Protein backbone atom coordinates (compact mmCIF):
# COMPACT_ATOMS: atom_id res chain seq x y z
CA MET A 1 -16.96 -4.45 -3.04
CA LYS A 2 -15.41 -3.41 0.28
CA SER A 3 -17.48 -3.27 3.45
CA LYS A 4 -17.36 0.53 3.49
CA LYS A 5 -19.28 0.64 0.20
CA ARG A 6 -21.67 -2.10 1.32
CA ILE A 7 -23.06 0.17 4.04
CA PHE A 8 -24.57 2.61 1.56
CA ILE A 9 -25.65 -0.08 -0.92
CA GLY A 10 -27.28 -2.09 1.85
CA LEU A 11 -29.16 0.90 3.25
CA ILE A 12 -30.60 2.09 -0.06
CA SER A 13 -31.58 -1.51 -0.90
CA PHE A 14 -33.34 -1.86 2.44
CA SER A 15 -35.01 1.51 1.86
CA LEU A 16 -36.37 0.25 -1.45
CA LEU A 17 -37.70 -2.95 0.12
CA LEU A 18 -39.32 -0.91 2.87
CA LEU A 19 -41.07 1.30 0.31
CA PHE A 20 -42.33 -1.80 -1.49
CA GLY A 21 -43.67 -3.03 1.86
CA VAL A 22 -45.48 0.24 2.47
CA LEU A 23 -46.94 0.01 -1.02
CA ALA A 24 -48.17 -3.55 -0.43
CA PHE A 25 -49.74 -2.53 2.86
CA SER A 26 -51.45 0.41 1.17
CA TRP A 27 -52.86 -1.95 -1.46
CA HIS A 28 -54.23 -4.23 1.24
CA LEU A 29 -55.64 -1.33 3.25
CA PHE A 30 -57.29 0.72 0.54
CA PHE A 31 -58.42 -2.03 -1.80
CA LYS A 32 -61.24 -2.79 0.65
CA SER A 33 -62.97 0.41 -0.41
CA PRO A 34 -66.54 -0.39 -1.58
CA GLU A 35 -66.45 2.31 -4.24
CA THR A 36 -65.33 1.03 -7.64
CA TYR A 37 -64.14 4.50 -8.68
CA GLN A 38 -61.95 4.76 -5.59
CA GLN A 39 -60.51 1.31 -6.25
CA ILE A 40 -59.58 2.28 -9.80
CA VAL A 41 -57.84 5.48 -8.66
CA ILE A 42 -55.98 3.67 -5.89
CA ILE A 43 -54.89 0.88 -8.22
CA ALA A 44 -53.61 3.41 -10.76
CA ILE A 45 -51.59 5.26 -8.10
CA ILE A 46 -50.14 2.03 -6.72
CA VAL A 47 -49.21 0.78 -10.19
CA ILE A 48 -47.37 4.06 -10.92
CA PHE A 49 -45.45 3.82 -7.66
CA CYS A 50 -44.64 0.17 -8.39
CA ILE A 51 -43.17 1.15 -11.74
CA VAL A 52 -41.09 3.93 -10.17
CA LEU A 53 -39.79 1.65 -7.42
CA SER A 54 -39.04 -1.10 -9.94
CA VAL A 55 -37.00 1.35 -12.01
CA MET A 56 -35.06 2.35 -8.90
CA GLY A 57 -34.53 -1.32 -8.11
CA PHE A 58 -33.10 -1.75 -11.60
CA GLY A 59 -30.82 1.21 -10.88
CA ILE A 60 -29.55 -0.35 -7.63
CA ALA A 61 -28.90 -3.63 -9.45
CA GLY A 62 -26.92 -1.74 -12.07
CA LEU A 63 -25.01 0.05 -9.32
CA VAL A 64 -24.02 -3.23 -7.67
CA PHE A 65 -23.05 -4.74 -11.02
CA ALA A 66 -20.92 -1.70 -11.86
CA LEU A 67 -19.14 -1.81 -8.51
CA LEU A 68 -18.50 -5.54 -8.51
CA GLY A 69 -17.43 -5.71 -12.14
CA GLU A 70 -15.74 -2.28 -12.18
CA ARG A 71 -17.58 -1.56 -15.42
CA ASN A 72 -18.87 1.62 -16.97
CA MET A 73 -22.61 1.50 -17.48
CA PRO A 74 -24.52 2.89 -20.52
CA PRO A 75 -25.70 6.51 -20.10
CA ILE A 76 -29.37 5.58 -19.70
CA LEU A 77 -28.53 3.15 -16.90
CA GLN A 78 -26.28 5.75 -15.28
CA ASN A 79 -29.26 8.11 -15.17
CA ILE A 80 -31.40 5.42 -13.54
CA MET A 81 -28.64 4.71 -11.01
CA LEU A 82 -28.42 8.43 -10.23
CA LEU A 83 -32.20 8.61 -9.77
CA ALA A 84 -32.15 5.68 -7.36
CA VAL A 85 -29.26 7.04 -5.31
CA ASN A 86 -30.58 10.59 -5.00
CA THR A 87 -34.14 9.47 -4.27
CA LEU A 88 -33.26 6.85 -1.67
CA PHE A 89 -30.38 8.68 0.00
CA PRO A 90 -32.56 10.54 2.58
CA ALA A 91 -34.32 7.28 3.45
CA ALA A 92 -30.94 5.56 3.84
CA LEU A 93 -29.83 8.24 6.30
CA TYR A 94 -33.03 7.83 8.33
CA ILE A 95 -32.82 4.02 8.40
CA GLY A 96 -29.16 4.23 9.31
CA ARG A 97 -30.05 6.43 12.28
CA VAL A 98 -32.67 3.88 13.37
CA PHE A 99 -30.02 1.16 13.30
CA GLY A 100 -27.51 3.34 15.10
CA ILE A 101 -25.21 3.94 12.11
CA ASP A 102 -23.57 7.34 12.23
CA LYS A 103 -24.60 9.55 9.32
CA GLN A 104 -20.96 10.44 8.66
CA VAL A 105 -20.24 6.74 8.10
CA ILE A 106 -23.12 6.53 5.62
CA LYS A 107 -21.98 9.63 3.78
CA SER A 108 -18.41 8.36 3.68
CA SER A 109 -19.73 5.11 2.18
CA PHE A 110 -21.65 7.09 -0.41
CA ILE A 111 -18.47 8.98 -1.35
CA GLU A 112 -16.57 5.71 -1.80
CA VAL A 113 -19.34 4.38 -4.04
CA ASN A 114 -19.25 7.57 -6.10
CA ASN A 115 -15.46 7.45 -6.42
CA GLN A 116 -15.47 3.89 -7.71
CA LEU A 117 -18.22 4.67 -10.20
CA VAL A 118 -16.19 7.62 -11.49
CA ARG A 119 -13.09 5.43 -11.80
CA CYS A 120 -15.13 2.87 -13.75
CA LYS A 121 -15.70 5.48 -16.47
CA LYS A 122 -11.96 5.54 -17.24
CA LEU A 123 -12.06 9.15 -18.41
CA THR A 124 -9.12 11.02 -19.89
CA VAL A 125 -9.25 14.76 -19.22
CA SER A 126 -6.78 17.43 -20.32
CA PRO A 127 -5.13 19.11 -17.29
CA GLU A 128 -6.58 22.56 -17.95
CA ARG A 129 -10.09 21.06 -17.68
CA ILE A 130 -9.42 19.51 -14.26
CA MET A 131 -10.43 21.54 -11.20
CA LEU A 132 -8.84 20.91 -7.81
CA LEU A 133 -11.40 22.26 -5.34
CA ALA A 134 -10.27 22.82 -1.75
CA PRO A 135 -12.15 24.21 1.28
CA HIS A 136 -11.06 27.45 2.92
CA CYS A 137 -10.65 25.67 6.27
CA ILE A 138 -7.52 24.04 4.87
CA GLN A 139 -5.75 27.38 5.30
CA LYS A 140 -4.09 28.15 8.63
CA SER A 141 -6.67 30.01 10.71
CA ASN A 142 -4.34 32.90 11.58
CA CYS A 143 -3.06 33.42 8.03
CA LEU A 144 -3.41 37.01 6.82
CA HIS A 145 -3.43 36.16 3.10
CA LYS A 146 -6.94 35.69 1.70
CA ILE A 147 -7.06 32.83 -0.81
CA THR A 148 -10.78 32.17 -1.29
CA ILE A 149 -11.03 34.55 -4.24
CA GLU A 150 -7.53 34.08 -5.65
CA SER A 151 -5.63 31.03 -4.43
CA THR A 152 -2.34 32.37 -5.81
CA ASN A 153 -2.28 34.84 -2.90
CA CYS A 154 -0.79 31.99 -0.87
CA ILE A 155 2.86 32.76 0.02
CA GLN A 156 3.58 29.01 0.50
CA CYS A 157 5.01 29.36 3.99
CA GLY A 158 4.56 25.65 4.69
CA GLN A 159 2.24 26.13 7.68
CA CYS A 160 -0.74 24.53 5.91
CA PRO A 161 -1.31 22.25 2.89
CA VAL A 162 -2.30 25.08 0.52
CA GLY A 163 1.27 25.55 -0.68
CA ASP A 164 1.62 21.82 -1.35
CA LEU A 165 -1.64 21.84 -3.31
CA HIS A 166 -0.22 24.71 -5.37
CA ASP A 167 2.85 22.58 -6.09
CA LEU A 168 0.59 19.75 -7.31
CA ALA A 169 -1.50 22.12 -9.43
CA GLN A 170 1.62 23.55 -11.08
CA LYS A 171 3.21 20.14 -11.53
CA TYR A 172 0.22 18.76 -13.46
CA GLY A 173 -1.19 21.97 -14.93
CA VAL A 174 -4.58 21.72 -13.20
CA LYS A 175 -6.61 24.62 -11.78
CA LEU A 176 -6.63 25.04 -8.00
CA VAL A 177 -9.51 26.98 -6.42
CA VAL A 178 -10.35 27.48 -2.75
CA ALA A 179 -14.01 27.93 -1.83
CA SER A 180 -15.57 29.16 1.39
CA GLY A 181 -18.72 27.14 0.86
CA GLY A 182 -21.01 25.36 -1.58
CA THR A 183 -22.30 28.55 -3.20
CA LEU A 184 -18.81 29.75 -4.13
CA ALA A 185 -17.82 26.25 -5.25
CA ARG A 186 -20.77 26.13 -7.64
CA LYS A 187 -19.82 29.59 -8.90
CA PHE A 188 -16.30 28.40 -9.70
CA ILE A 189 -17.67 25.37 -11.55
CA GLU A 190 -20.10 27.49 -13.57
CA GLU A 191 -17.40 29.98 -14.53
CA LEU A 192 -14.52 27.59 -15.25
CA ARG A 193 -16.64 24.74 -16.67
CA PRO A 194 -14.27 21.89 -15.80
CA LYS A 195 -14.67 18.40 -17.25
CA ALA A 196 -13.67 16.78 -13.95
CA VAL A 197 -13.38 17.87 -10.32
CA ILE A 198 -11.24 16.65 -7.44
CA ALA A 199 -12.98 17.92 -4.33
CA ILE A 200 -11.47 18.04 -0.84
CA ALA A 201 -14.03 18.43 1.93
CA CYS A 202 -15.82 16.81 4.86
CA GLU A 203 -18.47 14.12 4.43
CA ARG A 204 -21.36 16.59 4.48
CA ASP A 205 -19.96 18.98 1.89
CA LEU A 206 -18.66 16.24 -0.38
CA THR A 207 -22.00 14.44 -0.33
CA SER A 208 -24.01 17.55 -1.21
CA GLY A 209 -21.43 18.63 -3.79
CA ILE A 210 -21.41 15.27 -5.55
CA GLN A 211 -25.21 15.23 -5.67
CA ASP A 212 -25.32 18.81 -6.99
CA SER A 213 -22.75 18.06 -9.69
CA LYS A 214 -25.04 15.45 -11.28
CA ARG A 215 -23.20 14.19 -14.40
CA LEU A 216 -19.94 16.05 -13.75
CA PRO A 217 -17.39 13.44 -12.57
CA VAL A 218 -16.21 14.29 -9.05
CA LEU A 219 -13.59 12.36 -7.12
CA GLY A 220 -13.97 13.13 -3.43
CA VAL A 221 -11.06 13.19 -0.97
CA LEU A 222 -12.08 13.45 2.68
CA ASN A 223 -10.20 16.07 4.64
CA ILE A 224 -8.40 15.31 7.90
CA ARG A 225 -9.63 17.15 11.01
CA PRO A 226 -7.05 16.96 13.81
CA GLU A 227 -8.50 20.09 15.47
CA GLY A 228 -12.14 19.43 14.69
CA PRO A 229 -14.39 20.36 11.74
CA CYS A 230 -13.84 23.51 9.68
CA PHE A 231 -10.65 24.51 11.51
CA ASN A 232 -7.06 23.98 10.35
CA THR A 233 -8.00 20.88 8.38
CA GLN A 234 -5.44 18.79 6.51
CA VAL A 235 -5.49 16.58 3.42
CA ASN A 236 -4.02 13.35 2.15
CA LEU A 237 -1.76 14.71 -0.60
CA LYS A 238 -1.09 11.24 -1.96
CA ALA A 239 -4.80 10.70 -2.54
CA VAL A 240 -5.12 14.08 -4.26
CA GLU A 241 -2.16 13.39 -6.55
CA GLU A 242 -3.47 9.96 -7.49
CA ALA A 243 -6.88 11.47 -8.29
CA ILE A 244 -5.20 13.95 -10.64
CA GLU A 245 -3.21 11.17 -12.28
CA PHE A 246 -6.34 9.09 -12.70
CA PHE A 247 -8.08 11.75 -14.76
CA LEU A 248 -4.91 12.38 -16.76
CA TYR A 249 -3.76 8.82 -17.37
CA LYS A 250 -6.53 6.43 -16.26
CA GLU A 251 -3.86 4.32 -14.57
CA THR A 252 -3.95 5.14 -10.85
CA LYS A 253 -6.61 4.89 -8.20
CA ILE A 254 -7.31 6.80 -5.02
CA HIS A 255 -6.29 5.00 -1.85
CA GLU A 256 -8.91 4.31 0.76
CA GLU A 257 -8.66 7.07 3.38
CA GLU A 258 -7.89 4.58 6.13
CA ASP A 259 -5.01 3.08 4.15
CA SER A 260 -2.95 6.23 3.58
CA ILE A 261 -2.79 9.22 5.90
CA ILE A 262 -0.02 11.78 5.79
CA SER A 263 0.99 13.86 8.83
CA PHE A 264 0.89 17.65 8.53
CA PRO A 265 1.99 20.36 8.40
CA LEU A 266 4.69 19.70 5.83
CA THR A 267 7.87 21.66 5.84
CA GLN A 268 8.37 24.29 3.18
CA ASN A 269 10.94 22.22 1.32
CA GLN A 270 8.99 18.98 1.43
CA LYS A 271 7.68 17.85 -1.93
CA PRO A 272 4.51 15.91 -2.78
CA VAL A 273 4.92 12.15 -3.07
CA ASN A 274 5.18 10.93 -6.65
């Protein structure tokens, strides 16, 4: 498990231990109540919380085991892992802020954890059921051709990565859609009902999108922001292509973002890397 993934795992584990500590302190504080009825109610509440936290602890253990062993977990354990991650994620962000860890770093770690868990499932998906979801900020800001409703409006001038994403979509037969935000992205997913999604976005949008997708497998590819967020963003085409190939063939893996970055814009005649 690489250090980038350890950040998120460590924070949610610490969050769980902290909640257990709060529970133990509550037991010590309220058990001194002289009323027997109050003691019974308090004990019942604490026992319920202990069970819930223990289940989440089991989910974190399963998460670590899945990441270290690169194994696909049974569906019931996957649900428990999902419960633990979604429940403890806000606490992890808060604790990370206390320790001076940037929230973007935590979210990036969460995305890496998600990506490895998806790869552990070793899914095979037909190309027409794979959605390539890109953000509208990937389009050149001064482009006159609207692509958020129909991505084929792109004239592939080579000034932004949209044309290269079209080339990849046509090469593999997957569906490319460009969304202006989370609401439109969810609309595309509801209408097209893909079996797998490759999402290009920033840490914030990828994190919320992955959590919203629940059981739908999503491989996240962080965008590149040479001019700042939400403006003329770029993408690692190699990572996108390898994500497509993973769902098609189960043989390739996404590179870590820091290991493979491609310079943009590409020229019109430049082809995606095989």
